[in-house]
Protein backbone atom coordinates (compact mmCIF):
# COMPACT_ATOMS: atom_id res chain seq x y z
CA MET A 1 -11.20 -115.72 75.08
CA LEU A 2 -9.56 -113.78 71.51
CA LYS A 3 -12.37 -113.77 69.62
CA ARG A 4 -15.29 -112.75 72.43
CA ARG A 5 -12.37 -109.16 73.16
CA LEU A 6 -11.90 -109.05 69.87
CA LEU A 7 -15.74 -108.59 69.14
CA ALA A 8 -16.06 -106.60 72.51
CA VAL A 9 -13.86 -103.80 70.80
CA LEU A 10 -15.70 -104.14 67.49
CA ILE A 11 -19.05 -103.64 70.10
CA ALA A 12 -17.19 -101.00 71.99
CA ILE A 13 -15.66 -98.44 68.53
CA GLY A 14 -20.00 -99.94 67.01
CA ILE A 15 -21.10 -97.82 70.21
CA THR A 16 -19.37 -94.83 70.84
CA PHE A 17 -19.42 -93.69 67.31
CA GLY A 18 -23.01 -94.25 67.16
CA VAL A 19 -22.95 -92.41 70.98
CA THR A 20 -20.98 -89.03 68.67
CA ALA A 21 -23.18 -89.91 65.56
CA MET A 22 -26.62 -88.93 67.62
CA TRP A 23 -25.06 -85.94 69.87
CA SER A 24 -24.23 -84.55 66.19
CA ALA A 25 -27.41 -85.67 64.78
CA MET A 26 -29.16 -83.70 67.30
CA THR A 27 -27.07 -80.66 67.64
CA PHE A 28 -25.85 -79.57 64.77
CA GLU A 29 -28.27 -81.64 61.45
CA ARG A 30 -30.60 -78.30 61.11
CA GLU A 31 -30.43 -76.68 57.91
CA GLY A 32 -31.17 -73.61 56.57
CA ASP A 33 -32.00 -70.35 57.23
CA ALA A 34 -30.96 -69.46 60.99
CA ASP A 35 -32.99 -67.63 61.91
CA VAL A 36 -36.24 -69.00 60.80
CA ASN A 37 -34.91 -72.37 62.56
CA PHE A 38 -34.44 -70.71 65.54
CA ILE A 39 -38.42 -69.01 65.78
CA GLU A 40 -39.05 -72.45 64.10
CA GLU A 41 -38.00 -74.48 67.46
CA SER A 42 -41.58 -72.84 69.27
CA GLY A 43 -43.45 -74.15 65.86
CA SER A 44 -43.27 -70.65 64.31
CA GLU A 45 -43.94 -71.20 60.50
CA ALA A 46 -41.83 -69.19 58.49
CA GLY A 47 -39.73 -69.28 55.55
CA LEU A 48 -40.83 -70.55 51.45
CA GLU A 49 -44.78 -70.87 50.31
CA GLY A 50 -44.92 -73.85 47.65
CA SER A 51 -42.58 -76.55 49.95
CA GLU A 52 -45.09 -78.66 51.14
CA THR A 53 -42.74 -82.02 51.80
CA SER A 54 -40.25 -79.97 53.58
CA ARG A 55 -42.97 -78.08 55.25
CA VAL A 56 -44.68 -81.89 56.79
CA GLU A 57 -41.17 -82.49 58.54
CA LYS A 58 -40.57 -79.49 60.14
CA LYS A 59 -43.93 -79.38 61.53
CA SER A 60 -43.40 -83.50 62.59
CA GLY A 61 -40.20 -83.15 63.35
CA GLY A 62 -39.80 -87.11 62.02
CA ASN A 63 -38.85 -89.81 63.90
CA LYS A 64 -36.52 -88.46 65.98
CA VAL A 65 -36.76 -92.78 67.63
CA ALA A 66 -35.64 -93.60 63.95
CA LYS A 67 -32.98 -90.45 63.35
CA LEU A 68 -31.21 -91.56 66.21
CA PHE A 69 -31.01 -95.40 65.34
CA LYS A 70 -29.90 -94.32 61.41
CA ALA A 71 -26.88 -91.81 63.45
CA PRO A 72 -23.98 -94.42 63.38
CA PHE A 73 -24.82 -95.51 60.03
CA LYS A 74 -24.39 -92.63 58.75
CA ALA A 75 -21.01 -91.02 60.57
CA PHE A 76 -20.12 -95.46 59.46
CA GLY A 77 -21.02 -93.68 56.11
CA LYS A 78 -18.94 -89.87 56.07
CA LEU A 79 -15.86 -92.59 57.79
CA PHE A 80 -15.28 -94.23 55.01
CA GLY A 81 -16.22 -91.43 52.50
CA ARG A 82 -19.90 -92.87 51.46
CA LYS A 83 -21.23 -89.81 49.74
CA ASP A 84 -24.86 -88.87 51.98
CA ASP A 85 -27.56 -89.53 48.39
CA ASN A 86 -30.10 -87.57 50.32
CA LYS A 87 -27.81 -84.36 51.11
CA LEU A 88 -28.84 -81.77 48.45
CA GLN A 89 -25.42 -81.68 46.23
CA ARG A 90 -24.26 -77.88 45.07
CA MET A 91 -25.52 -77.17 41.73
CA THR A 92 -23.62 -75.25 38.71
CA GLU A 93 -24.16 -72.26 36.62
CA GLU A 94 -23.43 -74.09 33.79
CA ASP A 95 -26.00 -76.77 34.63
CA ALA A 96 -28.89 -74.29 35.78
CA GLU A 97 -28.60 -72.93 31.47
CA LYS A 98 -28.52 -76.07 30.07
CA PHE A 99 -31.69 -76.12 32.47
CA GLU A 100 -32.42 -73.29 31.63
CA SER A 101 -33.04 -73.91 28.05
CA VAL A 102 -36.59 -75.20 26.02
CA GLY A 103 -34.15 -77.71 24.01
CA VAL A 104 -34.03 -82.01 24.86
CA ALA A 105 -31.18 -81.70 28.95
CA ARG A 106 -29.62 -84.08 29.87
CA VAL A 107 -29.45 -84.31 34.10
CA GLU A 108 -28.74 -86.73 37.02
CA ASP A 109 -30.41 -87.50 39.11
CA GLY A 110 -28.76 -88.43 42.01
CA THR A 111 -30.82 -91.45 42.84
CA ASP A 112 -30.40 -92.95 40.00
CA SER A 113 -26.77 -94.27 38.07
CA GLU A 114 -29.30 -93.23 34.54
CA GLN A 115 -29.18 -90.48 33.19
CA LYS A 116 -32.78 -89.57 31.70
CA LYS A 117 -34.45 -86.88 28.94
CA PHE A 118 -37.42 -84.41 28.28
CA SER A 119 -38.47 -82.91 26.03
CA VAL A 120 -40.19 -79.90 25.18
CA SER A 121 -43.64 -82.16 23.56
CA GLY A 122 -46.73 -81.28 25.39
CA SER A 123 -48.51 -78.01 27.71
CA ALA A 124 -46.54 -75.87 29.73
CA ARG A 125 -49.72 -76.99 32.46
CA GLU A 126 -47.83 -80.26 32.15
CA HIS A 127 -44.52 -79.65 32.46
CA LEU A 128 -45.82 -77.27 35.33
CA ASP A 129 -47.44 -79.71 36.88
CA ALA A 130 -45.20 -82.88 36.57
CA GLY A 131 -42.16 -79.97 38.04
CA ARG A 132 -44.26 -79.84 41.11
CA ALA A 133 -43.73 -83.60 41.82
CA LEU A 134 -40.95 -84.66 41.43
CA LEU A 135 -39.53 -80.79 43.36
CA LEU A 136 -41.98 -82.19 46.63
CA ASN A 137 -39.93 -85.43 46.06
CA GLY A 138 -36.37 -83.95 46.36
CA ARG A 139 -35.60 -84.37 42.39
CA LEU A 140 -34.57 -81.53 42.11
CA ASN A 141 -32.49 -81.81 38.46
CA GLN A 142 -35.46 -82.55 37.39
CA ALA A 143 -37.69 -80.02 38.54
CA ILE A 144 -35.60 -77.19 37.08
CA THR A 145 -35.23 -78.78 33.77
CA GLU A 146 -39.58 -79.68 33.48
CA LEU A 147 -40.64 -75.74 35.25
CA SER A 148 -37.79 -74.17 33.23
CA THR A 149 -39.51 -75.09 30.10
CA ALA A 150 -43.61 -74.45 31.26
CA ALA A 151 -41.73 -70.97 31.81
CA SER A 152 -39.94 -71.18 28.34
CA LEU A 153 -43.72 -72.35 26.94
CA ASP A 154 -46.10 -69.65 28.94
CA PRO A 155 -43.50 -66.77 30.68
CA LYS A 156 -47.07 -65.71 32.17
CA LEU A 157 -46.84 -68.79 34.15
CA ALA A 158 -45.82 -67.73 37.21
CA GLU A 159 -46.38 -70.63 39.17
CA ALA A 160 -43.53 -71.77 37.02
CA HIS A 161 -41.36 -69.26 37.79
CA ASN A 162 -41.69 -69.16 41.73
CA LEU A 163 -41.51 -73.28 41.54
CA LEU A 164 -38.94 -72.56 40.15
CA GLY A 165 -37.65 -69.85 42.56
CA VAL A 166 -37.95 -72.25 45.24
CA ALA A 167 -35.84 -75.70 43.38
CA PHE A 168 -32.87 -72.75 43.08
CA ASP A 169 -33.69 -72.10 46.98
CA LYS A 170 -33.23 -75.61 46.85
CA LYS A 171 -30.65 -76.43 45.51
CA GLY A 172 -27.62 -72.90 47.04
CA MET A 173 -28.34 -70.62 44.18
CA PRO A 174 -30.51 -67.16 45.79
CA GLU A 175 -29.16 -64.97 43.07
CA ARG A 176 -31.03 -67.62 40.46
CA ALA A 177 -33.80 -68.25 42.40
CA ARG A 178 -34.82 -64.31 42.84
CA GLU A 179 -34.94 -63.69 39.11
CA SER A 180 -37.31 -66.73 39.47
CA TYR A 181 -39.50 -64.77 41.92
CA GLU A 182 -38.74 -61.42 40.65
CA ARG A 183 -40.49 -62.26 37.26
CA ALA A 184 -43.64 -64.45 38.98
CA VAL A 185 -44.46 -62.15 40.33
CA LYS A 186 -43.55 -59.93 37.42
CA ALA A 187 -47.02 -61.89 36.20
CA GLN A 188 -49.03 -62.18 39.26
CA PRO A 189 -48.17 -58.68 40.79
CA GLU A 190 -50.91 -59.94 44.00
CA ASP A 191 -50.43 -63.59 44.87
CA ALA A 192 -48.89 -63.51 48.34
CA GLN A 193 -46.47 -67.05 47.56
CA THR A 194 -45.17 -65.10 45.39
CA LEU A 195 -44.51 -62.38 47.53
CA ASN A 196 -44.43 -63.31 50.45
CA ASN A 197 -41.10 -65.45 47.87
CA LEU A 198 -39.60 -63.10 46.49
CA GLY A 199 -39.86 -60.88 50.52
CA PHE A 200 -38.15 -63.92 51.69
CA SER A 201 -35.71 -64.49 49.05
CA LEU A 202 -34.64 -61.04 49.84
CA TYR A 203 -34.40 -61.84 53.74
CA GLN A 204 -31.48 -63.62 52.75
CA ASN A 205 -29.32 -61.48 50.75
CA GLY A 206 -29.78 -59.35 53.47
CA ASN A 207 -31.53 -56.90 51.38
CA TYR A 208 -34.33 -56.30 54.77
CA ARG A 209 -36.06 -52.84 53.62
CA ALA A 210 -36.51 -54.61 50.25
CA ALA A 211 -38.65 -57.44 52.22
CA ILE A 212 -40.51 -55.31 54.56
CA ASP A 213 -42.26 -53.59 51.88
CA LYS A 214 -42.33 -57.04 49.93
CA LEU A 215 -43.41 -59.09 53.12
CA LYS A 216 -45.91 -55.82 53.61
CA ARG A 217 -47.87 -56.43 50.22
CA ALA A 218 -47.90 -59.80 50.67
CA ALA A 219 -48.89 -59.47 54.72
CA LYS A 220 -52.29 -56.94 53.14
CA LEU A 221 -53.06 -59.80 50.31
CA ALA A 222 -53.10 -62.96 52.96
CA PRO A 223 -53.18 -61.44 56.17
CA ALA A 224 -53.64 -64.60 57.98
CA ASP A 225 -50.61 -66.13 56.67
CA GLU A 226 -48.31 -67.72 59.55
CA ARG A 227 -46.11 -67.68 56.70
CA ILE A 228 -46.16 -64.41 56.18
CA LEU A 229 -46.58 -62.65 59.87
CA ASN A 230 -43.20 -64.66 60.51
CA ASN A 231 -40.82 -63.88 57.56
CA LEU A 232 -41.95 -59.82 58.13
CA GLY A 233 -41.62 -60.38 61.70
CA LEU A 234 -37.49 -61.90 61.02
CA ALA A 235 -36.76 -59.19 58.62
CA LEU A 236 -37.97 -56.05 60.82
CA CYS A 237 -36.01 -58.25 63.60
CA ARG A 238 -32.57 -57.30 61.18
CA MET A 239 -33.91 -53.69 60.83
CA GLY A 240 -34.05 -53.17 64.79
CA LYS A 241 -37.77 -52.62 65.10
CA PHE A 242 -38.70 -55.44 67.88
CA ASP A 243 -42.23 -54.28 68.43
CA ASP A 244 -43.29 -53.95 65.56
CA ALA A 245 -42.37 -58.02 65.43
CA TYR A 246 -43.58 -59.21 68.17
CA LYS A 247 -47.19 -56.96 66.82
CA ASN A 248 -46.66 -59.70 63.99
CA PHE A 249 -45.45 -62.78 66.08
CA ALA A 250 -48.32 -62.27 67.93
CA ARG A 251 -50.56 -62.28 64.74
CA ALA A 252 -48.56 -64.94 63.35
CA ALA A 253 -49.26 -67.26 66.86
CA GLY A 254 -50.68 -65.55 69.41
CA PRO A 255 -49.27 -63.34 72.11
CA LEU A 256 -47.51 -66.51 73.71
CA THR A 257 -45.96 -67.43 71.18
CA GLY A 258 -44.98 -63.86 69.48
CA SER A 259 -43.95 -62.82 72.95
CA LEU A 260 -41.40 -65.81 72.81
CA ASN A 261 -40.45 -65.42 69.53
CA THR A 262 -39.58 -62.05 69.97
CA ALA A 263 -37.01 -63.02 73.14
CA LYS A 264 -35.79 -64.38 71.26
CA MET A 265 -34.81 -62.78 68.51
CA LEU A 266 -33.42 -60.41 71.37
CA GLU A 267 -30.73 -62.97 72.76
CA ARG A 268 -29.57 -63.72 69.10
CA PHE A 269 -28.62 -59.86 68.57
CA ALA A 270 -27.24 -60.12 72.54
CA ARG A 271 -29.81 -57.16 73.73
CA GLU A 272 -30.76 -59.74 77.29
CA GLU A 273 -32.56 -56.83 79.51
CA GLU A 274 -35.52 -56.35 76.57
CA ALA A 275 -35.88 -59.84 75.93
CA ILE A 276 -35.85 -59.95 79.95
CA LYS A 277 -39.21 -57.73 79.09
CA TYR A 278 -40.83 -59.96 76.33
CA TYR A 279 -40.61 -62.82 78.39
CA GLU A 280 -41.55 -61.70 81.72
CA MET A 281 -44.20 -60.61 78.83
CA ALA A 282 -45.30 -64.36 77.89
CA ARG A 283 -45.06 -65.53 82.14
CA ARG A 284 -47.66 -63.37 82.60
CA ILE A 285 -49.65 -65.31 79.56
CA ASP A 286 -49.14 -67.97 80.86
CA PRO A 287 -47.39 -68.49 84.57
CA ASN A 288 -46.27 -72.10 83.91
CA ASN A 289 -44.48 -71.98 80.93
CA SER A 290 -40.94 -73.79 81.64
CA PHE A 291 -38.68 -71.85 78.38
CA ALA A 292 -39.48 -68.81 79.46
CA GLN A 293 -39.02 -69.97 83.04
CA ARG A 294 -34.96 -70.54 81.66
CA ARG A 295 -34.64 -68.01 80.47
CA LEU A 296 -36.05 -65.30 83.03
CA ALA A 297 -33.46 -67.95 85.47
CA ASP A 298 -30.91 -66.90 83.29
CA LEU A 299 -31.11 -63.72 81.58
CA TYR A 300 -31.56 -62.56 85.79
CA GLN A 301 -28.26 -64.24 86.12
CA ARG A 302 -26.17 -62.64 83.57
CA THR A 303 -27.39 -59.53 84.20
CA GLY A 304 -26.96 -59.55 87.84
CA LYS A 305 -30.20 -58.16 88.13
CA ALA A 306 -32.36 -59.11 90.88
CA VAL A 307 -35.04 -62.24 90.20
CA PRO A 308 -38.80 -60.43 91.80
CA VAL A 309 -40.12 -63.30 93.42
CA ASP A 310 -43.29 -64.15 91.35
CA THR A 311 -41.25 -64.12 88.22
CA VAL A 312 -39.61 -68.41 88.60
CA GLN A 313 -40.72 -70.56 90.53
CA ASN A 314 -39.77 -73.37 89.23
CA PRO A 315 -37.05 -73.39 86.39
CA PHE A 316 -37.05 -77.04 85.66
CA ALA A 317 -40.87 -77.54 85.61
CA GLY A 318 -41.43 -79.28 82.44
CA VAL A 319 -38.13 -80.23 81.62
CA ALA A 320 -39.23 -84.26 82.06
CA THR A 321 -42.15 -84.04 80.36
CA GLU A 322 -40.21 -82.36 77.74
CA ALA A 323 -37.59 -85.17 77.26
CA THR A 324 -40.28 -88.15 77.59
CA ALA A 325 -42.31 -85.88 74.62
CA VAL A 326 -38.93 -86.39 72.27
CA ILE A 327 -38.09 -89.09 72.84
CA SER A 328 -42.04 -90.75 72.40
CA GLY A 329 -41.64 -88.21 69.21
CA ARG A 330 -44.46 -86.19 70.23
């Protein structure tokens, strides 16, 4: 009997930890730029070009059910001080200096206990290919070594500098990332992808005017690139130019998504009455859009305005469908 009670207590503790971890996984485990995360919820692409692995993960959202089942184990791991090997570890300036050397470098990968050596043998293109593959597999330290070597062997190899910037961004070193993007733009000034990455880097560092300049140049070179247009829209929002931002959001993914993204950003900046205007625009485009309906119901109540009769017919429409989609992973 005592054993059964003990087992029941342990199971109850496990369930408690599991529920807590699931809640944490669903609500607090979003990394990256907050504005980008905000508009990516509507399926929009934004952020850096050249990081296909993260792009696939963000689009698909991964296996949501699997993530929920993994959450309790992650919670137990954190409780007992286990280091999460899947999390990116911050690299120091000292490490970066080593990586930028063209000599033999020793780096330690978070998932491998052995230290590996990289030499400068081989062409710049070979080191670039190796660095790209390592970057896509999340092996950032090795990727930086290979890409630094490629850039040192051929300073005009724009792609090496660009991908090196992506790797530094992922390591949480924005200044070094910006320097790499600038070298890439200098080597290849008419490359839209590189201009996008430099523009987004400037945007993340609060240099919005310069970011808009670079992103506008990128948009002229690639007028249908959704990521570039959304990044430009975000930078314009930061400058308070929401009507211009809407034009770019709409060019990226159509008027419905454009109006929703603009409304969400206006809400983010506490400009609720202007947000209502764009949510109403979305509702006119799609009268059954449940998200616009719910936000309008909330905003009209918060601003003390009377709700138009034809505006919010069913603020909870589609909630069950959306919940089912999350559980099924669609």
